[in-house]
Amino acid sequence: MMPKIRRFLDIFLGTACSLLLFSMVVILSWQVISRYVFNDPSTYTEELLRLGLVWLSLLGAAYSAGRGSHMAIDLLRDLSRGRFRKFLKLLVPISFIIFSIYVLILGGLHSIQIASKQLTAVLQIPMSSFYIALPVCGGLLILYALLNLIDVFKVPANNQQNLDIDQSPNVGE
């Protein structure tokens, strides 16, 4: 069940990030063409690119955390053995959960509330469409962190030294 959830999330987020990046390249190309070829700069492209960048960054952060390709300093974990090593492997997903709850979800909901009455200058869309990415990606990060915690607990104690959170058995399958 858990590998299916991880696989669905990986495919969904990977596809979403790819489509978002592709659309941003198309929009950026149109911005350059309209500015330098037609000498009539497009006014809406900057806001669309800014919105895309926010969503792409946060969705990409959730995706990379789920795949275990986030930034990490592995020296202490690589030098440790036994229970301390398992503790260090649990520390990363637990830290992601705490960060996601307090910063991304609660902070994001507060930001949405503040920005809900503001509109963007050109497109006249609510500014909350930028900030909604925070709690959405926070929820995705929590889901991935829980999957990573389950992977750590599923591995028998004698195989703990071979399992890294960022190389858990179900990641990338």
C-alpha atoms as a PDB file:
ATOM      1  CA  MET A   1       0.000   0.000   0.000  1.00  0.00           C
ATOM      2  CA  MET A   2       2.734   2.450   0.974  1.00  0.00           C
ATOM      3  CA  PRO A   3       4.778   1.895  -2.209  1.00  0.00           C
ATOM      4  CA  LYS A   4       1.639   2.620  -4.253  1.00  0.00           C
ATOM      5  CA  ILE A   5       1.038   5.879  -2.390  1.00  0.00           C
ATOM      6  CA  ARG A   6       4.678   6.912  -2.850  1.00  0.00           C
ATOM      7  CA  ARG A   7       4.590   5.950  -6.529  1.00  0.00           C
ATOM      8  CA  PHE A   8       1.384   7.929  -7.093  1.00  0.00           C
ATOM      9  CA  LEU A   9       2.830  10.985  -5.338  1.00  0.00           C
ATOM     10  CA  ASP A  10       6.095  10.712  -7.283  1.00  0.00           C
ATOM     11  CA  ILE A  11       4.298  10.456 -10.619  1.00  0.00           C
ATOM     12  CA  PHE A  12       1.820  13.213  -9.762  1.00  0.00           C
ATOM     13  CA  LEU A  13       4.426  15.673  -8.496  1.00  0.00           C
ATOM     14  CA  GLY A  14       6.957  14.803 -11.176  1.00  0.00           C
ATOM     15  CA  THR A  15       4.355  15.368 -13.882  1.00  0.00           C
ATOM     16  CA  ALA A  16       3.087  18.570 -12.261  1.00  0.00           C
ATOM     17  CA  CYS A  17       6.616  19.984 -11.944  1.00  0.00           C
ATOM     18  CA  SER A  18       7.465  19.009 -15.530  1.00  0.00           C
ATOM     19  CA  LEU A  19       4.314  20.593 -16.944  1.00  0.00           C
ATOM     20  CA  LEU A  20       4.809  23.685 -14.842  1.00  0.00           C
ATOM     21  CA  LEU A  21       8.408  24.043 -15.995  1.00  0.00           C
ATOM     22  CA  PHE A  22       7.423  23.510 -19.625  1.00  0.00           C
ATOM     23  CA  SER A  23       4.686  26.148 -19.392  1.00  0.00           C
ATOM     24  CA  MET A  24       7.120  28.567 -17.756  1.00  0.00           C
ATOM     25  CA  VAL A  25       9.590  28.079 -20.618  1.00  0.00           C
ATOM     26  CA  VAL A  26       6.809  28.781 -23.142  1.00  0.00           C
ATOM     27  CA  ILE A  27       5.684  31.890 -21.235  1.00  0.00           C
ATOM     28  CA  LEU A  28       9.264  33.134 -20.891  1.00  0.00           C
ATOM     29  CA  SER A  29       9.871  32.554 -24.597  1.00  0.00           C
ATOM     30  CA  TRP A  30       6.758  34.571 -25.416  1.00  0.00           C
ATOM     31  CA  GLN A  31       7.953  37.335 -23.101  1.00  0.00           C
ATOM     32  CA  VAL A  32      11.312  37.548 -24.899  1.00  0.00           C
ATOM     33  CA  ILE A  33       9.722  37.373 -28.372  1.00  0.00           C
ATOM     34  CA  SER A  34       7.124  40.017 -27.581  1.00  0.00           C
ATOM     35  CA  ARG A  35       9.723  42.338 -26.098  1.00  0.00           C
ATOM     36  CA  TYR A  36      12.528  42.022 -28.634  1.00  0.00           C
ATOM     37  CA  VAL A  37      10.840  40.899 -31.842  1.00  0.00           C
ATOM     38  CA  PHE A  38       7.528  42.767 -31.697  1.00  0.00           C
ATOM     39  CA  ASN A  39       8.837  45.609 -29.520  1.00  0.00           C
ATOM     40  CA  ASP A  40       5.617  45.330 -27.477  1.00  0.00           C
ATOM     41  CA  PRO A  41       6.392  43.689 -24.104  1.00  0.00           C
ATOM     42  CA  SER A  42       3.740  41.398 -22.688  1.00  0.00           C
ATOM     43  CA  THR A  43       2.438  42.654 -19.365  1.00  0.00           C
ATOM     44  CA  TYR A  44       1.021  39.477 -17.868  1.00  0.00           C
ATOM     45  CA  THR A  45       3.985  37.160 -18.351  1.00  0.00           C
ATOM     46  CA  GLU A  46       5.981  38.378 -15.333  1.00  0.00           C
ATOM     47  CA  GLU A  47       3.148  37.655 -12.922  1.00  0.00           C
ATOM     48  CA  LEU A  48       2.517  34.250 -14.469  1.00  0.00           C
ATOM     49  CA  LEU A  49       6.215  33.399 -14.193  1.00  0.00           C
ATOM     50  CA  ARG A  50       6.346  34.577 -10.583  1.00  0.00           C
ATOM     51  CA  LEU A  51       3.325  32.431  -9.715  1.00  0.00           C
ATOM     52  CA  GLY A  52       4.830  29.473 -11.547  1.00  0.00           C
ATOM     53  CA  LEU A  53       8.153  29.914  -9.778  1.00  0.00           C
ATOM     54  CA  VAL A  54       6.526  29.861  -6.348  1.00  0.00           C
ATOM     55  CA  TRP A  55       4.568  26.700  -7.121  1.00  0.00           C
ATOM     56  CA  LEU A  56       7.458  24.987  -8.915  1.00  0.00           C
ATOM     57  CA  SER A  57       9.866  25.695  -6.050  1.00  0.00           C
ATOM     58  CA  LEU A  58       7.567  24.384  -3.366  1.00  0.00           C
ATOM     59  CA  LEU A  59       6.297  21.370  -5.308  1.00  0.00           C
ATOM     60  CA  GLY A  60       9.897  20.592  -6.251  1.00  0.00           C
ATOM     61  CA  ALA A  61      10.932  20.820  -2.594  1.00  0.00           C
ATOM     62  CA  ALA A  62       8.232  18.319  -1.621  1.00  0.00           C
ATOM     63  CA  TYR A  63       9.199  16.039  -4.504  1.00  0.00           C
ATOM     64  CA  SER A  64      12.915  16.116  -3.696  1.00  0.00           C
ATOM     65  CA  ALA A  65      12.258  15.494   0.009  1.00  0.00           C
ATOM     66  CA  GLY A  66      10.090  12.531  -0.889  1.00  0.00           C
ATOM     67  CA  ARG A  67      12.703  11.111  -3.229  1.00  0.00           C
ATOM     68  CA  GLY A  68      15.422  11.694  -0.646  1.00  0.00           C
ATOM     69  CA  SER A  69      17.402  14.042  -2.842  1.00  0.00           C
ATOM     70  CA  HIS A  70      17.156  16.996  -0.463  1.00  0.00           C
ATOM     71  CA  MET A  71      20.283  18.629   0.890  1.00  0.00           C
ATOM     72  CA  ALA A  72      21.749  16.728   3.812  1.00  0.00           C
ATOM     73  CA  ILE A  73      24.952  16.555   5.784  1.00  0.00           C
ATOM     74  CA  ASP A  74      25.607  12.846   6.124  1.00  0.00           C
ATOM     75  CA  LEU A  75      28.940  12.855   7.962  1.00  0.00           C
ATOM     76  CA  LEU A  76      27.539  12.318  11.462  1.00  0.00           C
ATOM     77  CA  ARG A  77      25.031   9.717  10.281  1.00  0.00           C
ATOM     78  CA  ASP A  78      27.713   7.859   8.306  1.00  0.00           C
ATOM     79  CA  LEU A  79      30.039   7.743  11.317  1.00  0.00           C
ATOM     80  CA  SER A  80      27.370   6.537  13.738  1.00  0.00           C
ATOM     81  CA  ARG A  81      26.121   3.014  14.389  1.00  0.00           C
ATOM     82  CA  GLY A  82      23.203   1.286  16.108  1.00  0.00           C
ATOM     83  CA  ARG A  83      20.470   3.185  17.890  1.00  0.00           C
ATOM     84  CA  PHE A  84      22.092   6.580  17.439  1.00  0.00           C
ATOM     85  CA  ARG A  85      22.168   6.023  13.677  1.00  0.00           C
ATOM     86  CA  LYS A  86      18.489   5.088  13.675  1.00  0.00           C
ATOM     87  CA  PHE A  87      17.750   8.190  15.760  1.00  0.00           C
ATOM     88  CA  LEU A  88      19.536  10.357  13.197  1.00  0.00           C
ATOM     89  CA  LYS A  89      17.560   8.689  10.387  1.00  0.00           C
ATOM     90  CA  LEU A  90      14.337   9.512  12.220  1.00  0.00           C
ATOM     91  CA  LEU A  91      15.416  13.098  12.885  1.00  0.00           C
ATOM     92  CA  VAL A  92      15.144  14.279   9.259  1.00  0.00           C
ATOM     93  CA  PRO A  93      11.522  13.254   8.602  1.00  0.00           C
ATOM     94  CA  ILE A  94      10.465  14.407  12.074  1.00  0.00           C
ATOM     95  CA  SER A  95      12.107  17.775  11.392  1.00  0.00           C
ATOM     96  CA  PHE A  96      10.264  17.962   8.068  1.00  0.00           C
ATOM     97  CA  ILE A  97       6.959  17.297   9.831  1.00  0.00           C
ATOM     98  CA  ILE A  98       7.548  19.964  12.484  1.00  0.00           C
ATOM     99  CA  PHE A  99       8.714  22.511   9.901  1.00  0.00           C
ATOM    100  CA  SER A 100       5.785  21.724   7.621  1.00  0.00           C
ATOM    101  CA  ILE A 101       3.182  22.085  10.354  1.00  0.00           C
ATOM    102  CA  TYR A 102       4.434  25.310  11.866  1.00  0.00           C
ATOM    103  CA  VAL A 103       6.001  27.156   8.972  1.00  0.00           C
ATOM    104  CA  LEU A 104       4.320  25.917   5.807  1.00  0.00           C
ATOM    105  CA  ILE A 105       0.818  25.039   6.971  1.00  0.00           C
ATOM    106  CA  LEU A 106       0.146  27.413   9.880  1.00  0.00           C
ATOM    107  CA  GLY A 107       2.290  30.228   8.471  1.00  0.00           C
ATOM    108  CA  GLY A 108       0.854  29.658   5.012  1.00  0.00           C
ATOM    109  CA  LEU A 109      -2.739  29.788   6.269  1.00  0.00           C
ATOM    110  CA  HIS A 110      -1.953  33.030   8.077  1.00  0.00           C
ATOM    111  CA  SER A 111      -0.405  34.461   4.906  1.00  0.00           C
ATOM    112  CA  ILE A 112      -3.447  33.416   2.875  1.00  0.00           C
ATOM    113  CA  GLN A 113      -5.706  35.172   5.351  1.00  0.00           C
ATOM    114  CA  ILE A 114      -3.645  38.372   5.151  1.00  0.00           C
ATOM    115  CA  ALA A 115      -3.391  38.318   1.334  1.00  0.00           C
ATOM    116  CA  SER A 116      -6.933  37.167   0.584  1.00  0.00           C
ATOM    117  CA  LYS A 117      -8.217  40.656  -0.193  1.00  0.00           C
ATOM    118  CA  GLN A 118      -5.212  41.694  -2.274  1.00  0.00           C
ATOM    119  CA  LEU A 119      -5.109  41.295  -6.057  1.00  0.00           C
ATOM    120  CA  THR A 120      -2.111  41.119  -8.345  1.00  0.00           C
ATOM    121  CA  ALA A 121      -1.435  44.292 -10.309  1.00  0.00           C
ATOM    122  CA  VAL A 122      -1.849  42.995 -13.861  1.00  0.00           C
ATOM    123  CA  LEU A 123      -3.832  39.761 -13.797  1.00  0.00           C
ATOM    124  CA  GLN A 124      -6.106  40.831 -10.941  1.00  0.00           C
ATOM    125  CA  ILE A 125      -6.005  37.368  -9.377  1.00  0.00           C
ATOM    126  CA  PRO A 126      -5.975  36.987  -5.592  1.00  0.00           C
ATOM    127  CA  MET A 127      -2.545  37.057  -3.990  1.00  0.00           C
ATOM    128  CA  SER A 128      -3.673  34.050  -1.996  1.00  0.00           C
ATOM    129  CA  SER A 129      -3.085  31.969  -5.146  1.00  0.00           C
ATOM    130  CA  PHE A 130       0.627  32.458  -4.419  1.00  0.00           C
ATOM    131  CA  TYR A 131       0.392  31.634  -0.727  1.00  0.00           C
ATOM    132  CA  ILE A 132      -1.870  28.585  -1.052  1.00  0.00           C
ATOM    133  CA  ALA A 133       1.220  26.731  -2.274  1.00  0.00           C
ATOM    134  CA  LEU A 134       2.641  26.819   1.273  1.00  0.00           C
ATOM    135  CA  PRO A 135       0.022  24.650   3.042  1.00  0.00           C
ATOM    136  CA  VAL A 136      -0.441  22.401  -0.018  1.00  0.00           C
ATOM    137  CA  CYS A 137       3.260  21.622  -0.193  1.00  0.00           C
ATOM    138  CA  GLY A 138       3.448  21.389   3.600  1.00  0.00           C
ATOM    139  CA  GLY A 139       0.847  18.634   3.474  1.00  0.00           C
ATOM    140  CA  LEU A 140       2.777  16.844   0.744  1.00  0.00           C
ATOM    141  CA  LEU A 141       5.998  17.109   2.757  1.00  0.00           C
ATOM    142  CA  ILE A 142       4.263  15.632   5.807  1.00  0.00           C
ATOM    143  CA  LEU A 143       2.921  12.757   3.741  1.00  0.00           C
ATOM    144  CA  TYR A 144       6.363  12.001   2.312  1.00  0.00           C
ATOM    145  CA  ALA A 145       7.967  12.316   5.773  1.00  0.00           C
ATOM    146  CA  LEU A 146       5.473   9.818   7.197  1.00  0.00           C
ATOM    147  CA  LEU A 147       6.243   7.414   4.356  1.00  0.00           C
ATOM    148  CA  ASN A 148       9.964   7.807   5.079  1.00  0.00           C
ATOM    149  CA  LEU A 149       9.382   7.181   8.799  1.00  0.00           C
ATOM    150  CA  ILE A 150       7.478   4.001   7.992  1.00  0.00           C
ATOM    151  CA  ASP A 151      10.361   2.872   5.786  1.00  0.00           C
ATOM    152  CA  VAL A 152      12.831   3.348   8.653  1.00  0.00           C
ATOM    153  CA  PHE A 153      10.677   1.332  11.043  1.00  0.00           C
ATOM    154  CA  LYS A 154      10.087  -1.456   8.518  1.00  0.00           C
ATOM    155  CA  VAL A 155      13.781  -2.298   8.209  1.00  0.00           C
ATOM    156  CA  PRO A 156      15.046  -4.820  10.789  1.00  0.00           C
ATOM    157  CA  ALA A 157      17.573  -3.531  13.314  1.00  0.00           C
ATOM    158  CA  ASN A 158      20.458  -5.529  11.801  1.00  0.00           C
ATOM    159  CA  ASN A 159      19.918  -3.849   8.393  1.00  0.00           C
ATOM    160  CA  GLN A 160      19.622  -0.298   9.753  1.00  0.00           C
ATOM    161  CA  GLN A 161      23.190   0.590   8.839  1.00  0.00           C
ATOM    162  CA  ASN A 162      22.443  -0.140   5.167  1.00  0.00           C
ATOM    163  CA  LEU A 163      19.270   1.962   5.016  1.00  0.00           C
ATOM    164  CA  ASP A 164      19.506   5.663   4.475  1.00  0.00           C
ATOM    165  CA  ILE A 165      16.380   7.814   4.565  1.00  0.00           C
ATOM    166  CA  ASP A 166      17.372   9.202   1.217  1.00  0.00           C
ATOM    167  CA  GLN A 167      17.830   5.685  -0.140  1.00  0.00           C
ATOM    168  CA  SER A 168      14.815   4.004   1.440  1.00  0.00           C
ATOM    169  CA  PRO A 169      13.656   0.803  -0.262  1.00  0.00           C
ATOM    170  CA  ASN A 170      10.539   2.252  -1.856  1.00  0.00           C
ATOM    171  CA  VAL A 171      12.013   5.505  -3.079  1.00  0.00           C
ATOM    172  CA  GLY A 172      12.231   5.602  -6.847  1.00  0.00           C
ATOM    173  CA  GLU A 173      10.428   2.320  -7.485  1.00  0.00           C
END
